[in-house]
Amino acid sequence: MIVLGIICGLMLGFVLQRGRFCVVGAYRDLILAKDGRMFLATFVVIAIQSIGVYALNGTGVIQFGNDGFPWLGTIVGGFIFGIGMVFAGGCATGTWYRAGEGMIGSWIALFGYMLGAAMTKYGVWKVAGDQLLSYRTSDTYIHETLNVSPWLLVIVVAVLVGILVMRELRKPKLPIFQMKPKKKGIAHLLFEKRWHPFVTALLVGLIAIIAWPLSAMTGRMFGLGITAPSANILTFLITGDDALIDWGMFLVLGIFLGAFIAAKGSGEFRWRLPDMKTIRNNAFGGIVMGFGASVAGGCTIGNGLVNSALFAWQGWIAIIFFLLGTWVATYFTIIRKQRQTVGTSKAA
């Protein structure tokens, strides 16, 4: 049953690579390109997943935990993780699938991410991480605090996201798929057509739903998750502790393999070595992401897409601080430099 994780990961990695689905890009596009389509796509995933997981919960197939809301860790870790994403050049999942495309910088960021997460969960940063995570509220879920049915929140979010998607689709944009004439049939559909963010989000949402029962079969009662499995891979390689091998570890390995298959099939795989400054930023960003995600209790997948779909306080507060961290780092690394360059050019 544990091998089902790699099947789920293969599907997810393939879809992420073909759809170019990366959360840090979605966050940056809001301020750099004034384009909110990919950001809206992340909420399409949340809306679809929330319907599926609460239906599964209602039938008793899966159950949700109730450990309170680690508010301080979520705030501090979320902000730090957002900064790390910008330097690493991608979110945790984006780093996994871009490594599958042959990007050496992503390999470096991925190792840094594993190292930072392992150090926080099992190593020298564990005390600090545990201390931040110890500050908790009694309520885990938003509907628990509001004393309403979770289905009320599911319906509200689904309707709002549906309205925004329909408004976006009415705008004069590229068609959902952009045709390329080189291949025919299923190969053309899978490897050549341009995937619309909402189509990608629909598929990611469905995979996120499927992940719950597949994971539950192995005793792991959660959906998609990247941080703990990434930390466990590095820790297992060092310690040989086979207790760390679980469904989640196979999931992240499957993401890498699925992205590799998609990149090879579409002709997008090639080894790419960045310059030394980028390598330094990738390494730094990866370590920072690993620490931030561990302290926040999850990355842009575990918190930003899964816990948010459960309407856990942790998921929605994490999104806010992921955004803030990303925007602050984007301002100092991109926007501020652009303004200084423009000012210098005008002065000259």
C-alpha atoms as a PDB file:
ATOM      1  CA  MET A   1       0.000   0.000   0.000  1.00  0.00           C
ATOM      2  CA  ILE A   2       2.856   2.387   0.734  1.00  0.00           C
ATOM      3  CA  VAL A   3       3.900   2.240  -2.925  1.00  0.00           C
ATOM      4  CA  LEU A   4       0.600   3.945  -3.798  1.00  0.00           C
ATOM      5  CA  GLY A   5       2.354   7.104  -2.654  1.00  0.00           C
ATOM      6  CA  ILE A   6       4.680   7.020  -5.642  1.00  0.00           C
ATOM      7  CA  ILE A   7       1.710   6.603  -8.004  1.00  0.00           C
ATOM      8  CA  CYS A   8       0.013   9.647  -6.498  1.00  0.00           C
ATOM      9  CA  GLY A   9       3.309  11.534  -6.690  1.00  0.00           C
ATOM     10  CA  LEU A  10       3.832  10.563 -10.334  1.00  0.00           C
ATOM     11  CA  MET A  11       0.446  12.030 -11.244  1.00  0.00           C
ATOM     12  CA  LEU A  12       1.061  15.173  -9.227  1.00  0.00           C
ATOM     13  CA  GLY A  13       4.577  15.736 -10.572  1.00  0.00           C
ATOM     14  CA  PHE A  14       3.398  15.272 -14.155  1.00  0.00           C
ATOM     15  CA  VAL A  15       0.536  17.753 -13.739  1.00  0.00           C
ATOM     16  CA  LEU A  16       2.651  20.323 -11.887  1.00  0.00           C
ATOM     17  CA  GLN A  17       5.349  20.261 -14.558  1.00  0.00           C
ATOM     18  CA  ARG A  18       3.016  20.429 -17.522  1.00  0.00           C
ATOM     19  CA  GLY A  19       0.890  23.140 -15.913  1.00  0.00           C
ATOM     20  CA  ARG A  20       3.909  25.116 -14.606  1.00  0.00           C
ATOM     21  CA  PHE A  21       2.115  25.231 -11.271  1.00  0.00           C
ATOM     22  CA  CYS A  22       4.304  26.942  -8.665  1.00  0.00           C
ATOM     23  CA  VAL A  23       2.880  28.867  -5.745  1.00  0.00           C
ATOM     24  CA  VAL A  24       5.757  31.342  -5.377  1.00  0.00           C
ATOM     25  CA  GLY A  25       5.157  32.370  -8.989  1.00  0.00           C
ATOM     26  CA  ALA A  26       1.480  32.858  -8.181  1.00  0.00           C
ATOM     27  CA  TYR A  27       2.323  35.089  -5.226  1.00  0.00           C
ATOM     28  CA  ARG A  28       4.931  37.133  -7.129  1.00  0.00           C
ATOM     29  CA  ASP A  29       2.728  37.594 -10.197  1.00  0.00           C
ATOM     30  CA  LEU A  30       0.231  39.498  -8.055  1.00  0.00           C
ATOM     31  CA  ILE A  31       2.686  42.358  -7.554  1.00  0.00           C
ATOM     32  CA  LEU A  32       5.166  41.992 -10.421  1.00  0.00           C
ATOM     33  CA  ALA A  33       2.853  41.267 -13.351  1.00  0.00           C
ATOM     34  CA  LYS A  34      -0.470  42.295 -11.776  1.00  0.00           C
ATOM     35  CA  ASP A  35      -1.720  38.875 -12.870  1.00  0.00           C
ATOM     36  CA  GLY A  36      -3.895  36.978 -10.412  1.00  0.00           C
ATOM     37  CA  ARG A  37      -4.783  33.939 -12.517  1.00  0.00           C
ATOM     38  CA  MET A  38      -2.314  31.545 -10.918  1.00  0.00           C
ATOM     39  CA  PHE A  39      -3.138  32.865  -7.451  1.00  0.00           C
ATOM     40  CA  LEU A  40      -6.820  32.245  -8.157  1.00  0.00           C
ATOM     41  CA  ALA A  41      -5.865  28.776  -9.383  1.00  0.00           C
ATOM     42  CA  THR A  42      -4.533  27.952  -5.912  1.00  0.00           C
ATOM     43  CA  PHE A  43      -7.996  28.718  -4.523  1.00  0.00           C
ATOM     44  CA  VAL A  44      -9.556  26.492  -7.178  1.00  0.00           C
ATOM     45  CA  VAL A  45      -7.468  23.675  -5.676  1.00  0.00           C
ATOM     46  CA  ILE A  46      -8.639  24.619  -2.183  1.00  0.00           C
ATOM     47  CA  ALA A  47     -12.312  24.767  -3.191  1.00  0.00           C
ATOM     48  CA  ILE A  48     -12.289  21.453  -5.055  1.00  0.00           C
ATOM     49  CA  GLN A  49     -10.324  19.690  -2.357  1.00  0.00           C
ATOM     50  CA  SER A  50     -12.554  20.994   0.435  1.00  0.00           C
ATOM     51  CA  ILE A  51     -15.633  19.486  -1.216  1.00  0.00           C
ATOM     52  CA  GLY A  52     -13.925  16.132  -1.669  1.00  0.00           C
ATOM     53  CA  VAL A  53     -12.286  15.793   1.734  1.00  0.00           C
ATOM     54  CA  TYR A  54     -15.370  16.800   3.689  1.00  0.00           C
ATOM     55  CA  ALA A  55     -17.410  14.323   1.659  1.00  0.00           C
ATOM     56  CA  LEU A  56     -14.872  11.613   2.522  1.00  0.00           C
ATOM     57  CA  ASN A  57     -14.884  12.717   6.153  1.00  0.00           C
ATOM     58  CA  GLY A  58     -18.662  12.613   6.240  1.00  0.00           C
ATOM     59  CA  THR A  59     -18.697   9.008   5.047  1.00  0.00           C
ATOM     60  CA  GLY A  60     -16.061   7.977   7.577  1.00  0.00           C
ATOM     61  CA  VAL A  61     -13.351   7.184   5.023  1.00  0.00           C
ATOM     62  CA  ILE A  62     -10.946   9.722   6.570  1.00  0.00           C
ATOM     63  CA  GLN A  63     -10.732  11.653   9.844  1.00  0.00           C
ATOM     64  CA  PHE A  64      -9.169  14.990  10.681  1.00  0.00           C
ATOM     65  CA  GLY A  65      -6.899  15.697  13.629  1.00  0.00           C
ATOM     66  CA  ASN A  66      -7.576  18.288  16.313  1.00  0.00           C
ATOM     67  CA  ASP A  67      -4.301  19.530  17.781  1.00  0.00           C
ATOM     68  CA  GLY A  68      -5.068  23.225  18.157  1.00  0.00           C
ATOM     69  CA  PHE A  69      -3.603  26.108  16.166  1.00  0.00           C
ATOM     70  CA  PRO A  70       0.164  26.754  16.615  1.00  0.00           C
ATOM     71  CA  TRP A  71      -0.283  30.454  15.980  1.00  0.00           C
ATOM     72  CA  LEU A  72       3.234  31.723  16.707  1.00  0.00           C
ATOM     73  CA  GLY A  73       4.987  29.037  14.676  1.00  0.00           C
ATOM     74  CA  THR A  74       2.597  29.569  11.782  1.00  0.00           C
ATOM     75  CA  ILE A  75       3.169  33.324  11.729  1.00  0.00           C
ATOM     76  CA  VAL A  76       6.959  33.244  12.146  1.00  0.00           C
ATOM     77  CA  GLY A  77       7.507  30.162  10.010  1.00  0.00           C
ATOM     78  CA  GLY A  78       5.117  31.299   7.300  1.00  0.00           C
ATOM     79  CA  PHE A  79       6.856  34.651   6.913  1.00  0.00           C
ATOM     80  CA  ILE A  80      10.313  33.040   6.865  1.00  0.00           C
ATOM     81  CA  PHE A  81       9.173  30.421   4.368  1.00  0.00           C
ATOM     82  CA  GLY A  82       7.839  33.139   2.062  1.00  0.00           C
ATOM     83  CA  ILE A  83      11.245  34.828   2.063  1.00  0.00           C
ATOM     84  CA  GLY A  84      12.973  31.522   1.415  1.00  0.00           C
ATOM     85  CA  MET A  85      10.769  30.767  -1.602  1.00  0.00           C
ATOM     86  CA  VAL A  86      11.953  33.882  -3.398  1.00  0.00           C
ATOM     87  CA  PHE A  87      15.630  33.135  -2.856  1.00  0.00           C
ATOM     88  CA  ALA A  88      15.204  29.440  -3.687  1.00  0.00           C
ATOM     89  CA  GLY A  89      13.413  30.306  -6.926  1.00  0.00           C
ATOM     90  CA  GLY A  90      10.376  28.159  -6.168  1.00  0.00           C
ATOM     91  CA  CYS A  91       8.155  26.752  -3.448  1.00  0.00           C
ATOM     92  CA  ALA A  92       8.867  23.344  -1.912  1.00  0.00           C
ATOM     93  CA  THR A  93       6.837  21.439  -4.493  1.00  0.00           C
ATOM     94  CA  GLY A  94       8.074  23.628  -7.331  1.00  0.00           C
ATOM     95  CA  THR A  95      11.632  22.821  -6.283  1.00  0.00           C
ATOM     96  CA  TRP A  96      10.895  19.085  -6.450  1.00  0.00           C
ATOM     97  CA  TYR A  97       9.366  19.217  -9.921  1.00  0.00           C
ATOM     98  CA  ARG A  98      11.951  21.635 -11.329  1.00  0.00           C
ATOM     99  CA  ALA A  99      14.705  19.330 -10.121  1.00  0.00           C
ATOM    100  CA  GLY A 100      13.007  16.741 -12.329  1.00  0.00           C
ATOM    101  CA  GLU A 101      13.477  19.109 -15.277  1.00  0.00           C
ATOM    102  CA  GLY A 102      17.241  19.100 -14.813  1.00  0.00           C
ATOM    103  CA  MET A 103      17.631  22.467 -13.109  1.00  0.00           C
ATOM    104  CA  ILE A 104      20.793  22.245 -10.992  1.00  0.00           C
ATOM    105  CA  GLY A 105      19.761  25.286  -8.953  1.00  0.00           C
ATOM    106  CA  SER A 106      16.612  23.441  -7.891  1.00  0.00           C
ATOM    107  CA  TRP A 107      18.682  20.405  -6.889  1.00  0.00           C
ATOM    108  CA  ILE A 108      20.733  22.702  -4.637  1.00  0.00           C
ATOM    109  CA  ALA A 109      17.625  24.385  -3.219  1.00  0.00           C
ATOM    110  CA  LEU A 110      16.059  20.958  -2.676  1.00  0.00           C
ATOM    111  CA  PHE A 111      19.034  19.713  -0.694  1.00  0.00           C
ATOM    112  CA  GLY A 112      18.967  22.925   1.357  1.00  0.00           C
ATOM    113  CA  TYR A 113      15.243  22.419   1.952  1.00  0.00           C
ATOM    114  CA  MET A 114      15.780  18.841   3.150  1.00  0.00           C
ATOM    115  CA  LEU A 115      18.648  19.974   5.370  1.00  0.00           C
ATOM    116  CA  GLY A 116      16.753  22.891   6.894  1.00  0.00           C
ATOM    117  CA  ALA A 117      13.687  20.752   7.563  1.00  0.00           C
ATOM    118  CA  ALA A 118      15.718  17.880   9.028  1.00  0.00           C
ATOM    119  CA  MET A 119      17.678  20.260  11.285  1.00  0.00           C
ATOM    120  CA  THR A 120      14.410  21.738  12.566  1.00  0.00           C
ATOM    121  CA  LYS A 121      12.548  18.449  13.041  1.00  0.00           C
ATOM    122  CA  TYR A 122      15.389  16.289  14.321  1.00  0.00           C
ATOM    123  CA  GLY A 123      18.548  18.366  14.757  1.00  0.00           C
ATOM    124  CA  VAL A 124      20.069  21.483  16.240  1.00  0.00           C
ATOM    125  CA  TRP A 125      17.082  23.728  15.473  1.00  0.00           C
ATOM    126  CA  LYS A 126      14.538  21.346  17.024  1.00  0.00           C
ATOM    127  CA  VAL A 127      14.425  23.159  20.367  1.00  0.00           C
ATOM    128  CA  ALA A 128      13.672  26.482  18.690  1.00  0.00           C
ATOM    129  CA  GLY A 129      11.085  24.890  16.395  1.00  0.00           C
ATOM    130  CA  ASP A 130       9.338  23.065  19.230  1.00  0.00           C
ATOM    131  CA  GLN A 131       9.273  26.236  21.307  1.00  0.00           C
ATOM    132  CA  LEU A 132       7.554  28.203  18.543  1.00  0.00           C
ATOM    133  CA  LEU A 133       5.085  25.376  17.923  1.00  0.00           C
ATOM    134  CA  SER A 134       4.221  25.156  21.635  1.00  0.00           C
ATOM    135  CA  TYR A 135       2.112  28.326  21.524  1.00  0.00           C
ATOM    136  CA  ARG A 136      -1.307  26.986  20.555  1.00  0.00           C
ATOM    137  CA  THR A 137      -4.961  27.916  20.740  1.00  0.00           C
ATOM    138  CA  SER A 138      -7.554  25.316  21.684  1.00  0.00           C
ATOM    139  CA  ASP A 139      -9.484  25.647  18.413  1.00  0.00           C
ATOM    140  CA  THR A 140      -8.041  24.009  15.299  1.00  0.00           C
ATOM    141  CA  TYR A 141     -10.667  24.942  12.734  1.00  0.00           C
ATOM    142  CA  ILE A 142     -12.364  28.168  11.702  1.00  0.00           C
ATOM    143  CA  HIS A 143     -15.832  26.605  11.772  1.00  0.00           C
ATOM    144  CA  GLU A 144     -15.050  25.310  15.262  1.00  0.00           C
ATOM    145  CA  THR A 145     -14.464  28.869  16.446  1.00  0.00           C
ATOM    146  CA  LEU A 146     -17.509  30.211  14.604  1.00  0.00           C
ATOM    147  CA  ASN A 147     -19.636  27.264  15.784  1.00  0.00           C
ATOM    148  CA  VAL A 148     -20.994  26.581  12.300  1.00  0.00           C
ATOM    149  CA  SER A 149     -21.002  23.594   9.972  1.00  0.00           C
ATOM    150  CA  PRO A 150     -17.821  23.255   7.885  1.00  0.00           C
ATOM    151  CA  TRP A 151     -20.068  22.817   4.862  1.00  0.00           C
ATOM    152  CA  LEU A 152     -21.126  26.449   5.208  1.00  0.00           C
ATOM    153  CA  LEU A 153     -17.514  27.499   4.637  1.00  0.00           C
ATOM    154  CA  VAL A 154     -17.105  24.935   1.850  1.00  0.00           C
ATOM    155  CA  ILE A 155     -20.119  26.342   0.006  1.00  0.00           C
ATOM    156  CA  VAL A 156     -19.103  29.985   0.525  1.00  0.00           C
ATOM    157  CA  VAL A 157     -15.566  29.432  -0.761  1.00  0.00           C
ATOM    158  CA  ALA A 158     -16.703  27.249  -3.663  1.00  0.00           C
ATOM    159  CA  VAL A 159     -19.275  29.829  -4.792  1.00  0.00           C
ATOM    160  CA  LEU A 160     -16.874  32.778  -4.488  1.00  0.00           C
ATOM    161  CA  VAL A 161     -14.106  30.938  -6.342  1.00  0.00           C
ATOM    162  CA  GLY A 162     -16.579  29.824  -9.006  1.00  0.00           C
ATOM    163  CA  ILE A 163     -17.731  33.415  -9.576  1.00  0.00           C
ATOM    164  CA  LEU A 164     -14.143  34.677  -9.860  1.00  0.00           C
ATOM    165  CA  VAL A 165     -13.208  31.874 -12.253  1.00  0.00           C
ATOM    166  CA  MET A 166     -16.177  32.633 -14.514  1.00  0.00           C
ATOM    167  CA  ARG A 167     -15.278  36.333 -14.543  1.00  0.00           C
ATOM    168  CA  GLU A 168     -11.688  35.491 -15.431  1.00  0.00           C
ATOM    169  CA  LEU A 169     -12.684  33.119 -18.220  1.00  0.00           C
ATOM    170  CA  ARG A 170     -14.872  35.802 -19.815  1.00  0.00           C
ATOM    171  CA  LYS A 171     -11.841  38.024 -20.307  1.00  0.00           C
ATOM    172  CA  PRO A 172     -10.118  37.950 -23.720  1.00  0.00           C
ATOM    173  CA  LYS A 173      -7.307  35.519 -22.929  1.00  0.00           C
ATOM    174  CA  LEU A 174      -5.541  32.640 -24.599  1.00  0.00           C
ATOM    175  CA  PRO A 175      -7.719  29.553 -25.045  1.00  0.00           C
ATOM    176  CA  ILE A 176      -7.460  26.894 -22.359  1.00  0.00           C
ATOM    177  CA  PHE A 177      -5.093  24.918 -24.555  1.00  0.00           C
ATOM    178  CA  GLN A 178      -2.713  26.395 -27.111  1.00  0.00           C
ATOM    179  CA  MET A 179      -2.320  24.060 -30.076  1.00  0.00           C
ATOM    180  CA  LYS A 180       1.025  22.887 -31.375  1.00  0.00           C
ATOM    181  CA  PRO A 181       1.149  20.908 -34.608  1.00  0.00           C
ATOM    182  CA  LYS A 182       4.078  18.554 -34.004  1.00  0.00           C
ATOM    183  CA  LYS A 183       2.253  15.668 -32.292  1.00  0.00           C
ATOM    184  CA  LYS A 184      -1.182  14.107 -32.538  1.00  0.00           C
ATOM    185  CA  GLY A 185      -3.652  12.428 -30.234  1.00  0.00           C
ATOM    186  CA  ILE A 186      -2.938  11.859 -26.573  1.00  0.00           C
ATOM    187  CA  ALA A 187       0.738  12.804 -26.961  1.00  0.00           C
ATOM    188  CA  HIS A 188      -0.323  16.209 -28.243  1.00  0.00           C
ATOM    189  CA  LEU A 189      -2.735  16.659 -25.339  1.00  0.00           C
ATOM    190  CA  LEU A 190      -0.229  15.625 -22.691  1.00  0.00           C
ATOM    191  CA  PHE A 191       3.014  17.085 -23.972  1.00  0.00           C
ATOM    192  CA  GLU A 192       2.348  19.973 -26.366  1.00  0.00           C
ATOM    193  CA  LYS A 193      -0.816  21.872 -25.506  1.00  0.00           C
ATOM    194  CA  ARG A 194      -0.485  24.854 -23.219  1.00  0.00           C
ATOM    195  CA  TRP A 195      -2.267  24.013 -19.989  1.00  0.00           C
ATOM    196  CA  HIS A 196      -4.478  26.719 -18.527  1.00  0.00           C
ATOM    197  CA  PRO A 197      -3.894  27.389 -14.792  1.00  0.00           C
ATOM    198  CA  PHE A 198      -7.496  26.474 -13.970  1.00  0.00           C
ATOM    199  CA  VAL A 199      -7.250  23.132 -15.771  1.00  0.00           C
ATOM    200  CA  THR A 200      -4.059  22.385 -13.864  1.00  0.00           C
ATOM    201  CA  ALA A 201      -5.721  23.454 -10.607  1.00  0.00           C
ATOM    202  CA  LEU A 202      -8.677  21.154 -11.276  1.00  0.00           C
ATOM    203  CA  LEU A 203      -6.348  18.188 -11.721  1.00  0.00           C
ATOM    204  CA  VAL A 204      -4.237  19.090  -8.670  1.00  0.00           C
ATOM    205  CA  GLY A 205      -7.420  19.368  -6.594  1.00  0.00           C
ATOM    206  CA  LEU A 206      -8.600  15.919  -7.665  1.00  0.00           C
ATOM    207  CA  ILE A 207      -5.190  14.377  -6.944  1.00  0.00           C
ATOM    208  CA  ALA A 208      -5.210  16.078  -3.526  1.00  0.00           C
ATOM    209  CA  ILE A 209      -8.551  14.410  -2.761  1.00  0.00           C
ATOM    210  CA  ILE A 210      -7.331  10.990  -3.895  1.00  0.00           C
ATOM    211  CA  ALA A 211      -4.217  11.366  -1.726  1.00  0.00           C
ATOM    212  CA  TRP A 212      -6.255  11.212   1.489  1.00  0.00           C
ATOM    213  CA  PRO A 213      -7.695   7.668   1.210  1.00  0.00           C
ATOM    214  CA  LEU A 214      -4.496   6.358  -0.428  1.00  0.00           C
ATOM    215  CA  SER A 215      -2.459   7.694   2.472  1.00  0.00           C
ATOM    216  CA  ALA A 216      -5.011   6.543   5.041  1.00  0.00           C
ATOM    217  CA  MET A 217      -4.594   2.949   3.838  1.00  0.00           C
ATOM    218  CA  THR A 218      -1.081   3.028   5.311  1.00  0.00           C
ATOM    219  CA  GLY A 219      -2.153   4.606   8.600  1.00  0.00           C
ATOM    220  CA  ARG A 220      -1.027   8.112   7.612  1.00  0.00           C
ATOM    221  CA  MET A 221      -4.147  10.251   8.064  1.00  0.00           C
ATOM    222  CA  PHE A 222      -3.291  13.268   5.928  1.00  0.00           C
ATOM    223  CA  GLY A 223      -3.264  14.329   2.298  1.00  0.00           C
ATOM    224  CA  LEU A 224      -0.466  15.884   0.265  1.00  0.00           C
ATOM    225  CA  GLY A 225       2.566  16.906   2.299  1.00  0.00           C
ATOM    226  CA  ILE A 226       6.113  17.838   1.338  1.00  0.00           C
ATOM    227  CA  THR A 227       8.102  19.075   4.330  1.00  0.00           C
ATOM    228  CA  ALA A 228       8.190  16.088   6.686  1.00  0.00           C
ATOM    229  CA  PRO A 229       8.808  13.567   3.866  1.00  0.00           C
ATOM    230  CA  SER A 230      11.648  15.726   2.519  1.00  0.00           C
ATOM    231  CA  ALA A 231      13.258  15.878   5.961  1.00  0.00           C
ATOM    232  CA  ASN A 232      12.755  12.139   6.390  1.00  0.00           C
ATOM    233  CA  ILE A 233      14.565  11.288   3.159  1.00  0.00           C
ATOM    234  CA  LEU A 234      17.766  13.031   4.240  1.00  0.00           C
ATOM    235  CA  THR A 235      17.490  11.734   7.812  1.00  0.00           C
ATOM    236  CA  PHE A 236      16.938   8.179   6.564  1.00  0.00           C
ATOM    237  CA  LEU A 237      19.984   8.396   4.296  1.00  0.00           C
ATOM    238  CA  ILE A 238      22.100   9.477   7.283  1.00  0.00           C
ATOM    239  CA  THR A 239      20.671   7.267  10.040  1.00  0.00           C
ATOM    240  CA  GLY A 240      19.251   4.300   8.129  1.00  0.00           C
ATOM    241  CA  ASP A 241      16.137   4.421  10.326  1.00  0.00           C
ATOM    242  CA  ASP A 242      13.551   2.578   8.204  1.00  0.00           C
ATOM    243  CA  ALA A 243      10.764   3.844  10.488  1.00  0.00           C
ATOM    244  CA  LEU A 244      11.042   7.084   8.494  1.00  0.00           C
ATOM    245  CA  ILE A 245       9.978   5.358   5.277  1.00  0.00           C
ATOM    246  CA  ASP A 246       6.300   6.112   4.753  1.00  0.00           C
ATOM    247  CA  TRP A 247       3.698   7.026   2.153  1.00  0.00           C
ATOM    248  CA  GLY A 248       4.775  10.670   2.140  1.00  0.00           C
ATOM    249  CA  MET A 249       8.365   9.808   1.263  1.00  0.00           C
ATOM    250  CA  PHE A 250       7.186   7.878  -1.789  1.00  0.00           C
ATOM    251  CA  LEU A 251       4.904  10.786  -2.683  1.00  0.00           C
ATOM    252  CA  VAL A 252       7.727  13.324  -3.006  1.00  0.00           C
ATOM    253  CA  LEU A 253       9.933  10.866  -4.901  1.00  0.00           C
ATOM    254  CA  GLY A 254       6.994  10.311  -7.240  1.00  0.00           C
ATOM    255  CA  ILE A 255       6.687  14.078  -7.827  1.00  0.00           C
ATOM    256  CA  PHE A 256      10.297  14.133  -8.999  1.00  0.00           C
ATOM    257  CA  LEU A 257       9.806  11.142 -11.320  1.00  0.00           C
ATOM    258  CA  GLY A 258       6.500  12.439 -12.685  1.00  0.00           C
ATOM    259  CA  ALA A 259       8.057  15.809 -13.487  1.00  0.00           C
ATOM    260  CA  PHE A 260      11.002  14.071 -15.165  1.00  0.00           C
ATOM    261  CA  ILE A 261       8.652  12.036 -17.386  1.00  0.00           C
ATOM    262  CA  ALA A 262       6.660  15.154 -18.290  1.00  0.00           C
ATOM    263  CA  ALA A 263       9.793  17.181 -19.035  1.00  0.00           C
ATOM    264  CA  LYS A 264      11.310  14.451 -21.198  1.00  0.00           C
ATOM    265  CA  GLY A 265       8.074  13.911 -23.105  1.00  0.00           C
ATOM    266  CA  SER A 266       7.635  17.611 -23.803  1.00  0.00           C
ATOM    267  CA  GLY A 267      11.281  18.181 -24.707  1.00  0.00           C
ATOM    268  CA  GLU A 268      11.763  20.534 -21.756  1.00  0.00           C
ATOM    269  CA  PHE A 269      14.327  18.464 -19.867  1.00  0.00           C
ATOM    270  CA  ARG A 270      17.877  19.722 -19.991  1.00  0.00           C
ATOM    271  CA  TRP A 271      20.632  20.230 -17.469  1.00  0.00           C
ATOM    272  CA  ARG A 272      20.945  23.913 -16.577  1.00  0.00           C
ATOM    273  CA  LEU A 273      23.667  25.300 -14.315  1.00  0.00           C
ATOM    274  CA  PRO A 274      22.978  28.794 -12.912  1.00  0.00           C
ATOM    275  CA  ASP A 275      25.595  31.399 -12.061  1.00  0.00           C
ATOM    276  CA  MET A 276      27.294  31.429  -8.660  1.00  0.00           C
ATOM    277  CA  LYS A 277      25.057  34.146  -7.216  1.00  0.00           C
ATOM    278  CA  THR A 278      21.943  32.145  -8.082  1.00  0.00           C
ATOM    279  CA  ILE A 279      23.480  28.989  -6.613  1.00  0.00           C
ATOM    280  CA  ARG A 280      24.176  30.852  -3.393  1.00  0.00           C
ATOM    281  CA  ASN A 281      20.621  32.172  -3.279  1.00  0.00           C
ATOM    282  CA  ASN A 282      19.186  28.723  -4.042  1.00  0.00           C
ATOM    283  CA  ALA A 283      21.150  27.136  -1.194  1.00  0.00           C
ATOM    284  CA  PHE A 284      20.234  29.883   1.270  1.00  0.00           C
ATOM    285  CA  GLY A 285      16.591  29.922   0.184  1.00  0.00           C
ATOM    286  CA  GLY A 286      16.281  26.151   0.465  1.00  0.00           C
ATOM    287  CA  ILE A 287      17.575  26.067   4.042  1.00  0.00           C
ATOM    288  CA  VAL A 288      15.342  28.988   5.024  1.00  0.00           C
ATOM    289  CA  MET A 289      12.336  27.290   3.432  1.00  0.00           C
ATOM    290  CA  GLY A 290      13.049  24.072   5.311  1.00  0.00           C
ATOM    291  CA  PHE A 291      13.163  25.868   8.652  1.00  0.00           C
ATOM    292  CA  GLY A 292      10.126  28.028   7.893  1.00  0.00           C
ATOM    293  CA  ALA A 293       7.941  25.166   6.662  1.00  0.00           C
ATOM    294  CA  SER A 294       8.815  23.006   9.679  1.00  0.00           C
ATOM    295  CA  VAL A 295       8.018  25.790  12.128  1.00  0.00           C
ATOM    296  CA  ALA A 296       4.836  26.756  10.266  1.00  0.00           C
ATOM    297  CA  GLY A 297       3.686  23.134  10.291  1.00  0.00           C
ATOM    298  CA  GLY A 298       3.704  22.837   6.505  1.00  0.00           C
ATOM    299  CA  CYS A 299       4.626  24.475   3.211  1.00  0.00           C
ATOM    300  CA  THR A 300       2.453  25.957   0.475  1.00  0.00           C
ATOM    301  CA  ILE A 301       1.068  22.458  -0.102  1.00  0.00           C
ATOM    302  CA  GLY A 302       0.565  21.099   3.419  1.00  0.00           C
ATOM    303  CA  ASN A 303      -0.642  24.443   4.757  1.00  0.00           C
ATOM    304  CA  GLY A 304      -1.493  26.527   1.700  1.00  0.00           C
ATOM    305  CA  LEU A 305      -3.563  23.888  -0.104  1.00  0.00           C
ATOM    306  CA  VAL A 306      -4.410  21.087   2.356  1.00  0.00           C
ATOM    307  CA  ASN A 307      -4.934  22.675   5.784  1.00  0.00           C
ATOM    308  CA  SER A 308      -6.692  25.584   4.093  1.00  0.00           C
ATOM    309  CA  ALA A 309      -9.096  23.112   2.434  1.00  0.00           C
ATOM    310  CA  LEU A 310      -9.874  21.749   5.900  1.00  0.00           C
ATOM    311  CA  PHE A 311     -10.533  25.342   7.037  1.00  0.00           C
ATOM    312  CA  ALA A 312      -7.880  25.001   9.707  1.00  0.00           C
ATOM    313  CA  TRP A 313      -6.719  28.319  11.128  1.00  0.00           C
ATOM    314  CA  GLN A 314      -3.164  27.195  10.484  1.00  0.00           C
ATOM    315  CA  GLY A 315      -3.717  26.923   6.731  1.00  0.00           C
ATOM    316  CA  TRP A 316      -5.335  30.312   6.191  1.00  0.00           C
ATOM    317  CA  ILE A 317      -3.022  32.255   8.503  1.00  0.00           C
ATOM    318  CA  ALA A 318      -0.052  30.561   6.846  1.00  0.00           C
ATOM    319  CA  ILE A 319      -1.231  31.773   3.419  1.00  0.00           C
ATOM    320  CA  ILE A 320      -1.291  35.363   4.683  1.00  0.00           C
ATOM    321  CA  PHE A 321       2.273  35.176   6.005  1.00  0.00           C
ATOM    322  CA  PHE A 322       3.537  33.216   2.991  1.00  0.00           C
ATOM    323  CA  LEU A 323       2.297  36.142   0.927  1.00  0.00           C
ATOM    324  CA  LEU A 324       3.844  38.759   3.196  1.00  0.00           C
ATOM    325  CA  GLY A 325       7.208  37.008   3.248  1.00  0.00           C
ATOM    326  CA  THR A 326       7.186  36.564  -0.518  1.00  0.00           C
ATOM    327  CA  TRP A 327       6.280  40.181  -1.162  1.00  0.00           C
ATOM    328  CA  VAL A 328       8.912  41.557   1.243  1.00  0.00           C
ATOM    329  CA  ALA A 329      11.644  39.429  -0.346  1.00  0.00           C
ATOM    330  CA  THR A 330      10.409  40.297  -3.842  1.00  0.00           C
ATOM    331  CA  TYR A 331      10.523  43.988  -3.028  1.00  0.00           C
ATOM    332  CA  PHE A 332      14.131  43.935  -1.827  1.00  0.00           C
ATOM    333  CA  THR A 333      15.466  41.480  -4.441  1.00  0.00           C
ATOM    334  CA  ILE A 334      13.583  42.610  -7.544  1.00  0.00           C
ATOM    335  CA  ILE A 335      11.372  45.705  -7.276  1.00  0.00           C
ATOM    336  CA  ARG A 336      13.808  47.872  -5.320  1.00  0.00           C
ATOM    337  CA  LYS A 337      16.663  47.003  -7.673  1.00  0.00           C
ATOM    338  CA  GLN A 338      14.495  47.778 -10.692  1.00  0.00           C
ATOM    339  CA  ARG A 339      13.620  51.194  -9.269  1.00  0.00           C
ATOM    340  CA  GLN A 340      17.255  51.930  -8.496  1.00  0.00           C
ATOM    341  CA  THR A 341      18.221  50.967 -12.037  1.00  0.00           C
ATOM    342  CA  VAL A 342      15.514  53.210 -13.487  1.00  0.00           C
ATOM    343  CA  GLY A 343      16.579  56.076 -11.214  1.00  0.00           C
ATOM    344  CA  THR A 344      20.227  55.672 -12.212  1.00  0.00           C
ATOM    345  CA  SER A 345      19.302  55.626 -15.915  1.00  0.00           C
ATOM    346  CA  LYS A 346      17.262  58.829 -15.578  1.00  0.00           C
ATOM    347  CA  ALA A 347      20.054  60.557 -13.664  1.00  0.00           C
ATOM    348  CA  ALA A 348      22.507  59.641 -16.403  1.00  0.00           C
END
